[in-house]
Amino acid sequence: MKPYILEQTNWKQVKNEKYDVAILPWGATEPHNYHLPYGTDSLETAKIAEEAAEKAWKKGAKIMVLPTIPLGVQNPGQIDLPFCLHTKPSTQTLIFQDIVEALYKQKIRKLVLLNGHGGNDFKPMVREIQPQFPEMLISLVEWFKIYDLSEYFEEDGDHAGEMETSVIMHYYPHLVLPLEEAGDGNSKSSKLKGVLNKTAWIPRQWNKVSSDTGVGNPQKATAEKGKKYLEDVTSSIADFLVEMAECNFEDLYK
């Protein structure tokens, strides 16, 4: 039993502890090439939250990891794939508002939203909810954006490529098929120059972009690369959790 993981702990532990920060992992449910599980985004984000909370707990911060939300926003062409679960941003906002309201009533005043899915755009949601709870501090962490991935991995890619495969190899090796069974993760780029140079953005038609649902070659992935990367990621998040626990959110600026 870990006292900082809500699904594992119990009322006897919780009633006698004053928690500083809640952390809400939020992922998605979607295909990840042929070799990774549908729950990749949720599984890895839950584990990252757990490791970061453990590190912060050891430094004296009282953290509670909430159950992971596995419902993400999907691209056109993904939605049609079997068991790819698409959740509208408006639905996500309603779910998040209910969770924030519950925590607020329970006098939990600091919340970290840990996003693990690139299709989730949570800044507008936080901006919408925050004014309704002015005495609560809500922050957003997107763990896959903390570090330059080229410092850890050789191949580019943002979906079931070298990075995500390495992460799941480290955390859940029993859920990864042999890499010879994986697709190559080749993906097509837009023909529009304005999209390529980031003047504009258009949602990717996933079924036209990738034949195996992956974007990025997973063949150079290793558990060792995942471990090294995750050590840095979870340490950075843990340091922020400690800061959140200790800060006076009415005095955040200098």
Protein backbone atom coordinates (compact mmCIF):
# COMPACT_ATOMS: atom_id res chain seq x y z
CA MET A 1 0.00 0.00 0.00
CA LYS A 2 1.33 3.39 -1.02
CA PRO A 3 -0.22 6.29 0.91
CA TYR A 4 0.19 8.66 -2.03
CA ILE A 5 -1.85 6.56 -4.49
CA LEU A 6 -5.58 6.95 -3.91
CA GLU A 7 -6.54 3.62 -5.48
CA GLN A 8 -4.24 1.78 -3.07
CA THR A 9 -4.64 3.68 0.17
CA ASN A 10 -7.50 3.58 2.67
CA TRP A 11 -9.64 5.80 4.87
CA LYS A 12 -7.57 5.03 7.97
CA GLN A 13 -4.51 6.53 6.26
CA VAL A 14 -6.33 9.42 4.61
CA LYS A 15 -8.31 10.62 7.63
CA ASN A 16 -5.13 11.12 9.65
CA GLU A 17 -3.09 12.85 6.94
CA LYS A 18 -3.16 16.39 5.60
CA TYR A 19 -2.44 16.32 1.88
CA ASP A 20 -0.82 19.29 0.17
CA VAL A 21 -1.29 18.54 -3.54
CA ALA A 22 -3.46 16.27 -5.67
CA ILE A 23 -2.16 15.11 -9.04
CA LEU A 24 -4.55 13.98 -11.77
CA PRO A 25 -3.02 11.86 -14.57
CA TRP A 26 -4.93 12.13 -17.84
CA GLY A 27 -4.22 9.97 -20.87
CA ALA A 28 -6.16 8.43 -23.75
CA THR A 29 -7.22 5.10 -25.22
CA GLU A 30 -6.09 4.54 -28.80
CA PRO A 31 -4.00 2.24 -31.02
CA HIS A 32 -0.23 2.67 -30.70
CA ASN A 33 1.25 0.99 -33.76
CA TYR A 34 1.05 -2.81 -33.65
CA HIS A 35 3.33 -3.39 -30.67
CA LEU A 36 2.15 -1.09 -27.86
CA PRO A 37 -1.07 -1.34 -25.84
CA TYR A 38 -4.13 0.83 -26.40
CA GLY A 39 -3.66 2.21 -22.90
CA THR A 40 -0.12 3.47 -23.52
CA ASP A 41 -0.83 7.14 -22.75
CA SER A 42 -2.74 6.34 -19.58
CA LEU A 43 -0.40 3.61 -18.36
CA GLU A 44 2.77 5.64 -18.74
CA THR A 45 1.24 8.80 -17.30
CA ALA A 46 -0.09 6.97 -14.24
CA LYS A 47 3.33 5.47 -13.59
CA ILE A 48 5.08 8.81 -14.05
CA ALA A 49 2.67 10.39 -11.56
CA GLU A 50 3.35 7.57 -9.10
CA GLU A 51 7.14 7.86 -9.34
CA ALA A 52 7.09 11.65 -9.10
CA ALA A 53 4.77 11.51 -6.09
CA GLU A 54 7.02 8.99 -4.37
CA LYS A 55 10.06 11.23 -4.83
CA ALA A 56 8.14 14.26 -3.58
CA TRP A 57 6.73 12.30 -0.61
CA LYS A 58 10.25 11.35 0.45
CA LYS A 59 11.06 15.07 0.51
CA GLY A 60 8.18 15.75 2.86
CA ALA A 61 5.47 16.83 0.42
CA LYS A 62 2.12 15.15 0.98
CA ILE A 63 0.90 14.20 -2.48
CA MET A 64 -2.15 12.22 -3.58
CA VAL A 65 -2.24 10.62 -7.03
CA LEU A 66 -5.83 10.44 -8.26
CA PRO A 67 -7.11 7.68 -10.59
CA THR A 68 -6.08 8.20 -14.20
CA ILE A 69 -8.61 9.49 -16.72
CA PRO A 70 -8.20 7.36 -19.89
CA LEU A 71 -10.35 9.49 -22.21
CA GLY A 72 -8.62 11.70 -24.76
CA VAL A 73 -9.42 13.85 -27.78
CA GLN A 74 -8.70 12.01 -31.02
CA ASN A 75 -7.95 13.05 -34.59
CA PRO A 76 -10.15 12.40 -37.62
CA GLY A 77 -9.34 8.96 -38.96
CA GLN A 78 -8.41 7.71 -35.49
CA ILE A 79 -11.97 7.92 -34.25
CA ASP A 80 -13.06 5.26 -36.75
CA LEU A 81 -10.56 2.67 -35.52
CA PRO A 82 -12.07 -0.04 -33.28
CA PHE A 83 -12.03 0.86 -29.58
CA CYS A 84 -10.31 4.19 -30.10
CA LEU A 85 -12.20 6.23 -27.51
CA HIS A 86 -12.82 9.85 -28.44
CA THR A 87 -13.92 12.35 -25.80
CA LYS A 88 -14.99 15.86 -26.74
CA PRO A 89 -13.11 18.74 -25.08
CA SER A 90 -16.44 19.90 -23.67
CA THR A 91 -16.90 16.49 -22.02
CA GLN A 92 -13.38 16.62 -20.60
CA THR A 93 -14.16 20.03 -19.14
CA LEU A 94 -17.27 18.70 -17.39
CA ILE A 95 -15.32 15.78 -15.93
CA PHE A 96 -12.52 18.06 -14.79
CA GLN A 97 -14.93 20.56 -13.26
CA ASP A 98 -16.60 17.82 -11.20
CA ILE A 99 -13.23 16.63 -9.90
CA VAL A 100 -12.06 20.15 -9.06
CA GLU A 101 -15.34 20.91 -7.29
CA ALA A 102 -15.07 17.74 -5.20
CA LEU A 103 -11.49 18.53 -4.18
CA TYR A 104 -12.41 22.13 -3.41
CA LYS A 105 -15.19 21.06 -1.05
CA GLN A 106 -12.70 18.72 0.64
CA LYS A 107 -10.32 21.67 1.15
CA ILE A 108 -7.70 20.33 -1.27
CA ARG A 109 -6.48 23.61 -2.68
CA LYS A 110 -3.64 22.59 -5.02
CA LEU A 111 -4.02 20.41 -8.10
CA VAL A 112 -1.58 19.31 -10.79
CA LEU A 113 -3.11 18.08 -14.04
CA LEU A 114 -0.60 15.68 -15.62
CA ASN A 115 -1.29 15.29 -19.33
CA GLY A 116 0.05 12.31 -21.26
CA HIS A 117 -1.72 12.66 -24.61
CA GLY A 118 -0.77 15.11 -27.35
CA GLY A 119 -4.37 15.47 -28.51
CA ASN A 120 -5.49 16.85 -25.15
CA ASP A 121 -5.38 20.65 -25.18
CA PHE A 122 -5.95 21.48 -21.53
CA LYS A 123 -4.88 25.11 -21.20
CA PRO A 124 -8.30 26.49 -22.26
CA MET A 125 -9.96 24.06 -19.84
CA VAL A 126 -7.81 25.20 -16.93
CA ARG A 127 -8.46 28.85 -17.83
CA GLU A 128 -12.20 28.14 -17.87
CA ILE A 129 -12.29 26.31 -14.54
CA GLN A 130 -9.75 28.30 -12.50
CA PRO A 131 -11.86 31.50 -12.07
CA GLN A 132 -14.70 29.42 -10.62
CA PHE A 133 -12.41 28.36 -7.77
CA PRO A 134 -10.27 31.43 -7.01
CA GLU A 135 -8.87 29.93 -3.82
CA MET A 136 -7.52 26.90 -5.66
CA LEU A 137 -4.22 26.67 -7.55
CA ILE A 138 -4.45 24.54 -10.71
CA SER A 139 -1.37 23.78 -12.79
CA LEU A 140 -0.74 21.78 -15.96
CA VAL A 141 2.27 19.53 -16.59
CA GLU A 142 2.79 17.82 -19.94
CA TRP A 143 5.54 15.35 -19.16
CA PHE A 144 6.48 14.63 -22.79
CA LYS A 145 7.34 18.31 -23.34
CA ILE A 146 9.66 18.84 -20.37
CA TYR A 147 12.87 17.79 -22.14
CA ASP A 148 14.22 17.89 -25.67
CA LEU A 149 13.66 14.30 -26.78
CA SER A 150 16.70 14.41 -29.07
CA GLU A 151 18.86 14.39 -25.93
CA TYR A 152 17.61 10.89 -25.14
CA PHE A 153 16.41 9.31 -28.38
CA GLU A 154 17.67 8.99 -31.95
CA GLU A 155 14.41 8.93 -33.91
CA ASP A 156 11.77 11.63 -34.24
CA GLY A 157 8.11 10.79 -33.84
CA ASP A 158 5.22 11.65 -31.59
CA HIS A 159 3.14 8.47 -31.46
CA ALA A 160 4.38 4.97 -30.58
CA GLY A 161 7.88 5.80 -31.78
CA GLU A 162 11.21 5.37 -30.05
CA MET A 163 10.35 7.46 -26.99
CA GLU A 164 6.99 5.93 -26.12
CA THR A 165 8.22 2.44 -26.90
CA SER A 166 11.22 2.93 -24.61
CA VAL A 167 8.97 4.23 -21.84
CA ILE A 168 6.60 1.25 -22.02
CA MET A 169 9.55 -1.16 -22.33
CA HIS A 170 10.80 0.19 -19.01
CA TYR A 171 7.49 0.32 -17.15
CA TYR A 172 5.51 -2.53 -18.71
CA PRO A 173 7.83 -4.82 -20.71
CA HIS A 174 5.24 -7.60 -20.66
CA LEU A 175 2.86 -5.42 -22.70
CA VAL A 176 5.25 -4.78 -25.60
CA LEU A 177 5.27 -7.09 -28.61
CA PRO A 178 8.66 -7.95 -30.17
CA LEU A 179 9.84 -5.03 -32.28
CA GLU A 180 9.97 -7.20 -35.39
CA GLU A 181 6.16 -7.20 -35.15
CA ALA A 182 5.96 -3.39 -35.02
CA GLY A 183 5.21 -1.24 -38.03
CA ASP A 184 7.89 1.17 -39.20
CA GLY A 185 5.92 4.21 -38.06
CA ASN A 186 6.36 5.99 -41.37
CA SER A 187 4.02 8.94 -41.73
CA LYS A 188 3.06 11.33 -44.50
CA SER A 189 3.49 15.09 -44.20
CA SER A 190 1.08 17.75 -45.36
CA LYS A 191 1.41 19.11 -48.89
CA LEU A 192 0.57 22.59 -47.61
CA LYS A 193 3.61 24.78 -47.02
CA GLY A 194 1.72 26.82 -44.45
CA VAL A 195 1.21 23.71 -42.34
CA LEU A 196 4.81 22.54 -42.74
CA ASN A 197 6.27 25.89 -41.67
CA LYS A 198 3.72 26.14 -38.82
CA THR A 199 1.92 29.17 -40.19
CA ALA A 200 -1.24 27.09 -39.85
CA TRP A 201 -2.42 23.91 -38.17
CA ILE A 202 -4.83 21.27 -39.45
CA PRO A 203 -5.80 18.08 -37.56
CA ARG A 204 -4.05 15.10 -39.09
CA GLN A 205 -6.27 12.64 -40.95
CA TRP A 206 -4.74 9.71 -39.13
CA ASN A 207 -5.84 6.98 -41.52
CA LYS A 208 -4.21 8.92 -44.37
CA VAL A 209 -1.06 9.82 -42.45
CA SER A 210 -0.07 6.41 -41.06
CA SER A 211 -0.74 2.84 -42.17
CA ASP A 212 0.12 1.27 -38.79
CA THR A 213 -1.20 4.12 -36.57
CA GLY A 214 2.34 4.96 -35.47
CA VAL A 215 4.27 8.16 -36.15
CA GLY A 216 7.95 7.48 -35.55
CA ASN A 217 10.21 4.46 -35.94
CA PRO A 218 10.32 2.36 -32.73
CA GLN A 219 13.18 0.06 -33.76
CA LYS A 220 15.90 1.79 -31.72
CA ALA A 221 13.86 1.82 -28.53
CA THR A 222 15.29 0.21 -25.38
CA ALA A 223 14.18 -0.05 -21.78
CA GLU A 224 17.49 1.54 -20.75
CA LYS A 225 16.73 4.68 -22.78
CA GLY A 226 13.30 4.83 -21.21
CA LYS A 227 14.70 4.49 -17.70
CA LYS A 228 17.21 7.32 -18.19
CA TYR A 229 14.60 9.63 -19.67
CA LEU A 230 12.00 8.86 -17.02
CA GLU A 231 14.45 9.43 -14.19
CA ASP A 232 14.86 13.02 -15.35
CA VAL A 233 11.18 13.53 -16.12
CA THR A 234 9.93 12.23 -12.78
CA SER A 235 12.60 14.15 -10.86
CA SER A 236 11.55 17.41 -12.52
CA ILE A 237 7.90 16.77 -11.76
CA ALA A 238 8.72 15.77 -8.18
CA ASP A 239 10.62 19.02 -7.66
CA PHE A 240 7.60 20.94 -8.92
CA LEU A 241 5.27 19.00 -6.62
CA VAL A 242 7.43 19.98 -3.67
CA GLU A 243 7.30 23.60 -4.82
CA MET A 244 3.53 23.40 -5.12
CA ALA A 245 3.24 21.91 -1.66
CA GLU A 246 5.35 24.65 -0.10
CA CYS A 247 4.16 27.69 -2.04
CA ASN A 248 1.76 30.40 -0.95
CA PHE A 249 -0.40 30.71 -4.06
CA GLU A 250 -1.32 34.28 -3.13
CA ASP A 251 2.36 35.18 -3.40
CA LEU A 252 3.63 33.49 -6.57
CA TYR A 253 5.35 36.35 -8.36
CA LYS A 254 8.49 38.37 -7.82
